[in-house]
Amino acid sequence: MDYNDLPIGLGLAFATNRAAMDRFVDMTDNEKEEFVERSRSVMSKSEMERLVGSLAQDDEEPELHMEDVKDIFKGPSIG
């Protein structure tokens, strides 16, 4: 894929969201082309940020609250 053909708004959105840009780079060429085509229909900056942000959401790990682990064992006792 020729990155010089990226829409300007998409390029700017990637510039402000490194995780999304990294995810985009790891996509196959077909996935990249599909994503670029989706971005061409975007009508506002906030919509573009949401679209690009959707790539990074999958990379985020869920927060683990290790201090609450002991609460797993609370409840009615047997016997």
PDB file of N, CA and C in Angstrom:
ATOM      1  N   MET A   1       0.844  -1.180   0.000  1.00  0.00           N
ATOM      2  CA  MET A   1       0.000   0.000   0.000  1.00  0.00           C
ATOM      3  C   MET A   1       0.887   1.240   0.000  1.00  0.00           C
ATOM      4  N   ASP A   2       0.515   2.199  -0.812  1.00  0.00           N
ATOM      5  CA  ASP A   2       1.239   3.464  -0.887  1.00  0.00           C
ATOM      6  C   ASP A   2       0.654   4.435   0.142  1.00  0.00           C
ATOM      7  N   TYR A   3       1.435   4.722   1.173  1.00  0.00           N
ATOM      8  CA  TYR A   3       0.944   5.588   2.247  1.00  0.00           C
ATOM      9  C   TYR A   3       0.771   7.033   1.788  1.00  0.00           C
ATOM     10  N   ASN A   4       1.292   7.397   0.627  1.00  0.00           N
ATOM     11  CA  ASN A   4       1.090   8.741   0.095  1.00  0.00           C
ATOM     12  C   ASN A   4      -0.341   8.951  -0.372  1.00  0.00           C
ATOM     13  N   ASP A   5      -1.101   7.867  -0.522  1.00  0.00           N
ATOM     14  CA  ASP A   5      -2.491   7.957  -0.962  1.00  0.00           C
ATOM     15  C   ASP A   5      -3.481   8.037   0.197  1.00  0.00           C
ATOM     16  N   LEU A   6      -2.994   8.053   1.425  1.00  0.00           N
ATOM     17  CA  LEU A   6      -3.906   8.165   2.574  1.00  0.00           C
ATOM     18  C   LEU A   6      -4.601   9.515   2.563  1.00  0.00           C
ATOM     19  N   PRO A   7      -5.891   9.542   2.877  1.00  0.00           N
ATOM     20  CA  PRO A   7      -6.562  10.834   3.028  1.00  0.00           C
ATOM     21  C   PRO A   7      -5.888  11.651   4.137  1.00  0.00           C
ATOM     22  N   ILE A   8      -5.832  12.946   3.970  1.00  0.00           N
ATOM     23  CA  ILE A   8      -5.140  13.816   4.929  1.00  0.00           C
ATOM     24  C   ILE A   8      -5.719  13.670   6.328  1.00  0.00           C
ATOM     25  N   GLY A   9      -7.034  13.644   6.438  1.00  0.00           N
ATOM     26  CA  GLY A   9      -7.671  13.520   7.751  1.00  0.00           C
ATOM     27  C   GLY A   9      -7.298  12.228   8.457  1.00  0.00           C
ATOM     28  N   LEU A  10      -7.191  11.165   7.698  1.00  0.00           N
ATOM     29  CA  LEU A  10      -6.797   9.877   8.275  1.00  0.00           C
ATOM     30  C   LEU A  10      -5.359   9.932   8.762  1.00  0.00           C
ATOM     31  N   GLY A  11      -4.488  10.516   7.953  1.00  0.00           N
ATOM     32  CA  GLY A  11      -3.089  10.654   8.354  1.00  0.00           C
ATOM     33  C   GLY A  11      -2.931  11.487   9.612  1.00  0.00           C
ATOM     34  N   LEU A  12      -3.696  12.570   9.712  1.00  0.00           N
ATOM     35  CA  LEU A  12      -3.634  13.412  10.912  1.00  0.00           C
ATOM     36  C   LEU A  12      -4.163  12.677  12.138  1.00  0.00           C
ATOM     37  N   ALA A  13      -5.216  11.903  11.948  1.00  0.00           N
ATOM     38  CA  ALA A  13      -5.769  11.140  13.074  1.00  0.00           C
ATOM     39  C   ALA A  13      -4.768  10.085  13.549  1.00  0.00           C
ATOM     40  N   PHE A  14      -4.057   9.447  12.612  1.00  0.00           N
ATOM     41  CA  PHE A  14      -3.027   8.485  12.996  1.00  0.00           C
ATOM     42  C   PHE A  14      -1.873   9.171  13.716  1.00  0.00           C
ATOM     43  N   ALA A  15      -1.572  10.394  13.330  1.00  0.00           N
ATOM     44  CA  ALA A  15      -0.470  11.125  13.962  1.00  0.00           C
ATOM     45  C   ALA A  15      -0.744  11.391  15.440  1.00  0.00           C
ATOM     46  N   THR A  16      -2.000  11.439  15.822  1.00  0.00           N
ATOM     47  CA  THR A  16      -2.348  11.712  17.220  1.00  0.00           C
ATOM     48  C   THR A  16      -2.706  10.441  17.990  1.00  0.00           C
ATOM     49  N   ASN A  17      -2.683   9.286  17.328  1.00  0.00           N
ATOM     50  CA  ASN A  17      -3.039   8.033  17.993  1.00  0.00           C
ATOM     51  C   ASN A  17      -2.058   6.945  17.563  1.00  0.00           C
ATOM     52  N   ARG A  18      -0.963   6.850  18.280  1.00  0.00           N
ATOM     53  CA  ARG A  18       0.124   5.936  17.928  1.00  0.00           C
ATOM     54  C   ARG A  18      -0.320   4.467  17.959  1.00  0.00           C
ATOM     55  N   ALA A  19      -1.136   4.100  18.931  1.00  0.00           N
ATOM     56  CA  ALA A  19      -1.579   2.706  19.036  1.00  0.00           C
ATOM     57  C   ALA A  19      -2.392   2.306  17.810  1.00  0.00           C
ATOM     58  N   ALA A  20      -3.247   3.200  17.345  1.00  0.00           N
ATOM     59  CA  ALA A  20      -4.047   2.915  16.159  1.00  0.00           C
ATOM     60  C   ALA A  20      -3.160   2.820  14.924  1.00  0.00           C
ATOM     61  N   MET A  21      -2.177   3.701  14.836  1.00  0.00           N
ATOM     62  CA  MET A  21      -1.271   3.671  13.695  1.00  0.00           C
ATOM     63  C   MET A  21      -0.496   2.349  13.670  1.00  0.00           C
ATOM     64  N   ASP A  22      -0.024   1.904  14.822  1.00  0.00           N
ATOM     65  CA  ASP A  22       0.695   0.629  14.898  1.00  0.00           C
ATOM     66  C   ASP A  22      -0.205  -0.532  14.471  1.00  0.00           C
ATOM     67  N   ARG A  23      -1.448  -0.487  14.887  1.00  0.00           N
ATOM     68  CA  ARG A  23      -2.402  -1.531  14.519  1.00  0.00           C
ATOM     69  C   ARG A  23      -2.657  -1.522  13.012  1.00  0.00           C
ATOM     70  N   PHE A  24      -2.767  -0.319  12.433  1.00  0.00           N
ATOM     71  CA  PHE A  24      -2.992  -0.181  11.001  1.00  0.00           C
ATOM     72  C   PHE A  24      -1.819  -0.761  10.214  1.00  0.00           C
ATOM     73  N   VAL A  25      -0.608  -0.477  10.656  1.00  0.00           N
ATOM     74  CA  VAL A  25       0.587  -0.970   9.969  1.00  0.00           C
ATOM     75  C   VAL A  25       0.617  -2.497   9.962  1.00  0.00           C
ATOM     76  N   ASP A  26       0.101  -3.129  11.011  1.00  0.00           N
ATOM     77  CA  ASP A  26       0.104  -4.586  11.113  1.00  0.00           C
ATOM     78  C   ASP A  26      -1.005  -5.254  10.299  1.00  0.00           C
ATOM     79  N   MET A  27      -1.920  -4.475   9.732  1.00  0.00           N
ATOM     80  CA  MET A  27      -3.026  -5.036   8.955  1.00  0.00           C
ATOM     81  C   MET A  27      -2.522  -5.543   7.598  1.00  0.00           C
ATOM     82  N   THR A  28      -3.293  -6.440   7.003  1.00  0.00           N
ATOM     83  CA  THR A  28      -2.987  -6.879   5.638  1.00  0.00           C
ATOM     84  C   THR A  28      -3.324  -5.737   4.677  1.00  0.00           C
ATOM     85  N   ASP A  29      -2.825  -5.827   3.459  1.00  0.00           N
ATOM     86  CA  ASP A  29      -3.110  -4.779   2.476  1.00  0.00           C
ATOM     87  C   ASP A  29      -4.609  -4.655   2.201  1.00  0.00           C
ATOM     88  N   ASN A  30      -5.311  -5.781   2.145  1.00  0.00           N
ATOM     89  CA  ASN A  30      -6.760  -5.733   1.916  1.00  0.00           C
ATOM     90  C   ASN A  30      -7.476  -5.041   3.068  1.00  0.00           C
ATOM     91  N   GLU A  31      -7.079  -5.339   4.298  1.00  0.00           N
ATOM     92  CA  GLU A  31      -7.687  -4.692   5.467  1.00  0.00           C
ATOM     93  C   GLU A  31      -7.410  -3.190   5.463  1.00  0.00           C
ATOM     94  N   LYS A  32      -6.188  -2.827   5.083  1.00  0.00           N
ATOM     95  CA  LYS A  32      -5.836  -1.406   5.017  1.00  0.00           C
ATOM     96  C   LYS A  32      -6.687  -0.685   3.987  1.00  0.00           C
ATOM     97  N   GLU A  33      -6.834  -1.275   2.810  1.00  0.00           N
ATOM     98  CA  GLU A  33      -7.628  -0.653   1.758  1.00  0.00           C
ATOM     99  C   GLU A  33      -9.083  -0.498   2.179  1.00  0.00           C
ATOM    100  N   GLU A  34      -9.624  -1.508   2.852  1.00  0.00           N
ATOM    101  CA  GLU A  34     -10.997  -1.440   3.345  1.00  0.00           C
ATOM    102  C   GLU A  34     -11.143  -0.323   4.379  1.00  0.00           C
ATOM    103  N   PHE A  35     -10.171  -0.207   5.269  1.00  0.00           N
ATOM    104  CA  PHE A  35     -10.220   0.824   6.304  1.00  0.00           C
ATOM    105  C   PHE A  35     -10.117   2.218   5.682  1.00  0.00           C
ATOM    106  N   VAL A  36      -9.233   2.368   4.705  1.00  0.00           N
ATOM    107  CA  VAL A  36      -9.082   3.659   4.027  1.00  0.00           C
ATOM    108  C   VAL A  36     -10.379   4.036   3.324  1.00  0.00           C
ATOM    109  N   GLU A  37     -11.033   3.066   2.691  1.00  0.00           N
ATOM    110  CA  GLU A  37     -12.308   3.348   2.024  1.00  0.00           C
ATOM    111  C   GLU A  37     -13.373   3.767   3.022  1.00  0.00           C
ATOM    112  N   ARG A  38     -13.395   3.130   4.185  1.00  0.00           N
ATOM    113  CA  ARG A  38     -14.336   3.540   5.236  1.00  0.00           C
ATOM    114  C   ARG A  38     -14.049   4.967   5.674  1.00  0.00           C
ATOM    115  N   SER A  39     -12.770   5.333   5.741  1.00  0.00           N
ATOM    116  CA  SER A  39     -12.412   6.673   6.202  1.00  0.00           C
ATOM    117  C   SER A  39     -12.809   7.750   5.198  1.00  0.00           C
ATOM    118  N   ARG A  40     -12.939   7.389   3.940  1.00  0.00           N
ATOM    119  CA  ARG A  40     -13.304   8.374   2.914  1.00  0.00           C
ATOM    120  C   ARG A  40     -14.733   8.885   3.078  1.00  0.00           C
ATOM    121  N   SER A  41     -15.575   8.136   3.777  1.00  0.00           N
ATOM    122  CA  SER A  41     -16.960   8.563   3.974  1.00  0.00           C
ATOM    123  C   SER A  41     -17.151   9.379   5.251  1.00  0.00           C
ATOM    124  N   VAL A  42     -16.092   9.567   6.013  1.00  0.00           N
ATOM    125  CA  VAL A  42     -16.167  10.322   7.267  1.00  0.00           C
ATOM    126  C   VAL A  42     -16.373  11.800   6.962  1.00  0.00           C
ATOM    127  N   MET A  43     -17.257  12.431   7.735  1.00  0.00           N
ATOM    128  CA  MET A  43     -17.619  13.818   7.462  1.00  0.00           C
ATOM    129  C   MET A  43     -17.102  14.823   8.480  1.00  0.00           C
ATOM    130  N   SER A  44     -16.530  14.364   9.602  1.00  0.00           N
ATOM    131  CA  SER A  44     -16.061  15.309  10.622  1.00  0.00           C
ATOM    132  C   SER A  44     -14.797  14.797  11.305  1.00  0.00           C
ATOM    133  N   LYS A  45     -14.122  15.714  11.967  1.00  0.00           N
ATOM    134  CA  LYS A  45     -12.900  15.368  12.680  1.00  0.00           C
ATOM    135  C   LYS A  45     -13.193  14.374  13.803  1.00  0.00           C
ATOM    136  N   SER A  46     -14.261  14.620  14.550  1.00  0.00           N
ATOM    137  CA  SER A  46     -14.575  13.728  15.674  1.00  0.00           C
ATOM    138  C   SER A  46     -14.950  12.330  15.183  1.00  0.00           C
ATOM    139  N   GLU A  47     -15.627  12.259  14.062  1.00  0.00           N
ATOM    140  CA  GLU A  47     -15.973  10.956  13.495  1.00  0.00           C
ATOM    141  C   GLU A  47     -14.709  10.211  13.057  1.00  0.00           C
ATOM    142  N   MET A  48     -13.754  10.943  12.480  1.00  0.00           N
ATOM    143  CA  MET A  48     -12.482  10.329  12.070  1.00  0.00           C
ATOM    144  C   MET A  48     -11.715   9.843  13.295  1.00  0.00           C
ATOM    145  N   GLU A  49     -11.710  10.632  14.359  1.00  0.00           N
ATOM    146  CA  GLU A  49     -11.024  10.221  15.582  1.00  0.00           C
ATOM    147  C   GLU A  49     -11.652   8.970  16.169  1.00  0.00           C
ATOM    148  N   ARG A  50     -12.986   8.860  16.103  1.00  0.00           N
ATOM    149  CA  ARG A  50     -13.658   7.649  16.596  1.00  0.00           C
ATOM    150  C   ARG A  50     -13.300   6.440  15.736  1.00  0.00           C
ATOM    151  N   LEU A  51     -13.286   6.639  14.416  1.00  0.00           N
ATOM    152  CA  LEU A  51     -12.946   5.539  13.516  1.00  0.00           C
ATOM    153  C   LEU A  51     -11.526   5.046  13.775  1.00  0.00           C
ATOM    154  N   VAL A  52     -10.587   5.973  13.844  1.00  0.00           N
ATOM    155  CA  VAL A  52      -9.187   5.601  14.095  1.00  0.00           C
ATOM    156  C   VAL A  52      -9.042   5.029  15.501  1.00  0.00           C
ATOM    157  N   GLY A  53      -9.728   5.603  16.468  1.00  0.00           N
ATOM    158  CA  GLY A  53      -9.679   5.103  17.840  1.00  0.00           C
ATOM    159  C   GLY A  53     -10.202   3.686  17.964  1.00  0.00           C
ATOM    160  N   SER A  54     -11.112   3.301  17.067  1.00  0.00           N
ATOM    161  CA  SER A  54     -11.650   1.939  17.127  1.00  0.00           C
ATOM    162  C   SER A  54     -10.570   0.897  16.861  1.00  0.00           C
ATOM    163  N   LEU A  55      -9.526   1.273  16.148  1.00  0.00           N
ATOM    164  CA  LEU A  55      -8.412   0.340  15.931  1.00  0.00           C
ATOM    165  C   LEU A  55      -7.650   0.084  17.214  1.00  0.00           C
ATOM    166  N   ALA A  56      -7.482   1.119  18.014  1.00  0.00           N
ATOM    167  CA  ALA A  56      -6.673   1.013  19.227  1.00  0.00           C
ATOM    168  C   ALA A  56      -7.426   0.341  20.360  1.00  0.00           C
ATOM    169  N   GLN A  57      -8.741   0.337  20.308  1.00  0.00           N
ATOM    170  CA  GLN A  57      -9.522  -0.226  21.405  1.00  0.00           C
ATOM    171  C   GLN A  57      -9.227  -1.701  21.628  1.00  0.00           C
ATOM    172  N   ASP A  58      -8.989  -2.425  20.566  1.00  0.00           N
ATOM    173  CA  ASP A  58      -8.704  -3.858  20.704  1.00  0.00           C
ATOM    174  C   ASP A  58      -7.377  -4.116  21.389  1.00  0.00           C
ATOM    175  N   ASP A  59      -6.462  -3.138  21.330  1.00  0.00           N
ATOM    176  CA  ASP A  59      -5.142  -3.319  21.927  1.00  0.00           C
ATOM    177  C   ASP A  59      -5.127  -3.089  23.423  1.00  0.00           C
ATOM    178  N   GLU A  60      -6.123  -2.389  23.933  1.00  0.00           N
ATOM    179  CA  GLU A  60      -6.123  -2.065  25.353  1.00  0.00           C
ATOM    180  C   GLU A  60      -6.408  -3.316  26.166  1.00  0.00           C
ATOM    181  N   GLU A  61      -5.634  -3.507  27.201  1.00  0.00           N
ATOM    182  CA  GLU A  61      -5.837  -4.652  28.071  1.00  0.00           C
ATOM    183  C   GLU A  61      -6.816  -4.257  29.162  1.00  0.00           C
ATOM    184  N   PRO A  62      -7.664  -5.169  29.578  1.00  0.00           N
ATOM    185  CA  PRO A  62      -8.597  -4.837  30.643  1.00  0.00           C
ATOM    186  C   PRO A  62      -7.851  -4.565  31.941  1.00  0.00           C
ATOM    187  N   GLU A  63      -8.411  -3.673  32.719  1.00  0.00           N
ATOM    188  CA  GLU A  63      -7.784  -3.358  34.008  1.00  0.00           C
ATOM    189  C   GLU A  63      -8.012  -4.516  34.971  1.00  0.00           C
ATOM    190  N   LEU A  64      -6.973  -4.888  35.665  1.00  0.00           N
ATOM    191  CA  LEU A  64      -7.080  -5.935  36.667  1.00  0.00           C
ATOM    192  C   LEU A  64      -6.968  -5.300  38.042  1.00  0.00           C
ATOM    193  N   HIS A  65      -7.878  -5.648  38.894  1.00  0.00           N
ATOM    194  CA  HIS A  65      -7.863  -5.107  40.245  1.00  0.00           C
ATOM    195  C   HIS A  65      -7.442  -6.224  41.187  1.00  0.00           C
ATOM    196  N   MET A  66      -6.158  -6.375  41.341  1.00  0.00           N
ATOM    197  CA  MET A  66      -5.629  -7.478  42.127  1.00  0.00           C
ATOM    198  C   MET A  66      -5.999  -7.368  43.601  1.00  0.00           C
ATOM    199  N   GLU A  67      -6.275  -6.169  44.090  1.00  0.00           N
ATOM    200  CA  GLU A  67      -6.636  -6.038  45.497  1.00  0.00           C
ATOM    201  C   GLU A  67      -8.004  -6.651  45.781  1.00  0.00           C
ATOM    202  N   ASP A  68      -8.806  -6.904  44.736  1.00  0.00           N
ATOM    203  CA  ASP A  68     -10.136  -7.466  44.914  1.00  0.00           C
ATOM    204  C   ASP A  68     -10.168  -8.985  44.762  1.00  0.00           C
ATOM    205  N   VAL A  69      -9.016  -9.611  44.568  1.00  0.00           N
ATOM    206  CA  VAL A  69      -8.975 -11.051  44.345  1.00  0.00           C
ATOM    207  C   VAL A  69      -9.550 -11.805  45.540  1.00  0.00           C
ATOM    208  N   LYS A  70      -9.283 -11.346  46.742  1.00  0.00           N
ATOM    209  CA  LYS A  70      -9.795 -12.056  47.923  1.00  0.00           C
ATOM    210  C   LYS A  70     -11.322 -12.051  47.983  1.00  0.00           C
ATOM    211  N   ASP A  71     -11.964 -11.086  47.294  1.00  0.00           N
ATOM    212  CA  ASP A  71     -13.419 -11.018  47.297  1.00  0.00           C
ATOM    213  C   ASP A  71     -14.055 -12.162  46.515  1.00  0.00           C
ATOM    214  N   ILE A  72     -13.280 -12.836  45.666  1.00  0.00           N
ATOM    215  CA  ILE A  72     -13.798 -13.968  44.900  1.00  0.00           C
ATOM    216  C   ILE A  72     -14.279 -15.059  45.860  1.00  0.00           C
ATOM    217  N   PHE A  73     -13.603 -15.192  46.987  1.00  0.00           N
ATOM    218  CA  PHE A  73     -13.888 -16.287  47.899  1.00  0.00           C
ATOM    219  C   PHE A  73     -14.923 -15.936  48.967  1.00  0.00           C
ATOM    220  N   LYS A  74     -15.476 -14.750  48.925  1.00  0.00           N
ATOM    221  CA  LYS A  74     -16.505 -14.375  49.894  1.00  0.00           C
ATOM    222  C   LYS A  74     -17.849 -14.963  49.458  1.00  0.00           C
ATOM    223  N   GLY A  75     -18.652 -15.293  50.413  1.00  0.00           N
ATOM    224  CA  GLY A  75     -19.970 -15.835  50.110  1.00  0.00           C
ATOM    225  C   GLY A  75     -20.371 -16.827  51.177  1.00  0.00           C
ATOM    226  N   PRO A  76     -21.497 -17.466  50.977  1.00  0.00           N
ATOM    227  CA  PRO A  76     -21.942 -18.422  52.002  1.00  0.00           C
ATOM    228  C   PRO A  76     -20.976 -19.601  52.093  1.00  0.00           C
ATOM    229  N   SER A  77     -20.728 -20.010  53.305  1.00  0.00           N
ATOM    230  CA  SER A  77     -19.809 -21.138  53.486  1.00  0.00           C
ATOM    231  C   SER A  77     -20.574 -22.447  53.441  1.00  0.00           C
ATOM    232  N   ILE A  78     -19.836 -23.467  53.115  1.00  0.00           N
ATOM    233  CA  ILE A  78     -20.441 -24.791  53.016  1.00  0.00           C
ATOM    234  C   ILE A  78     -20.211 -25.506  54.339  1.00  0.00           C
ATOM    235  N   GLY A  79     -21.274 -26.053  54.875  1.00  0.00           N
ATOM    236  CA  GLY A  79     -21.192 -26.875  56.080  1.00  0.00           C
ATOM    237  C   GLY A  79     -21.123 -26.095  57.276  1.00  0.00           C
TER     238      GLY A  79
END
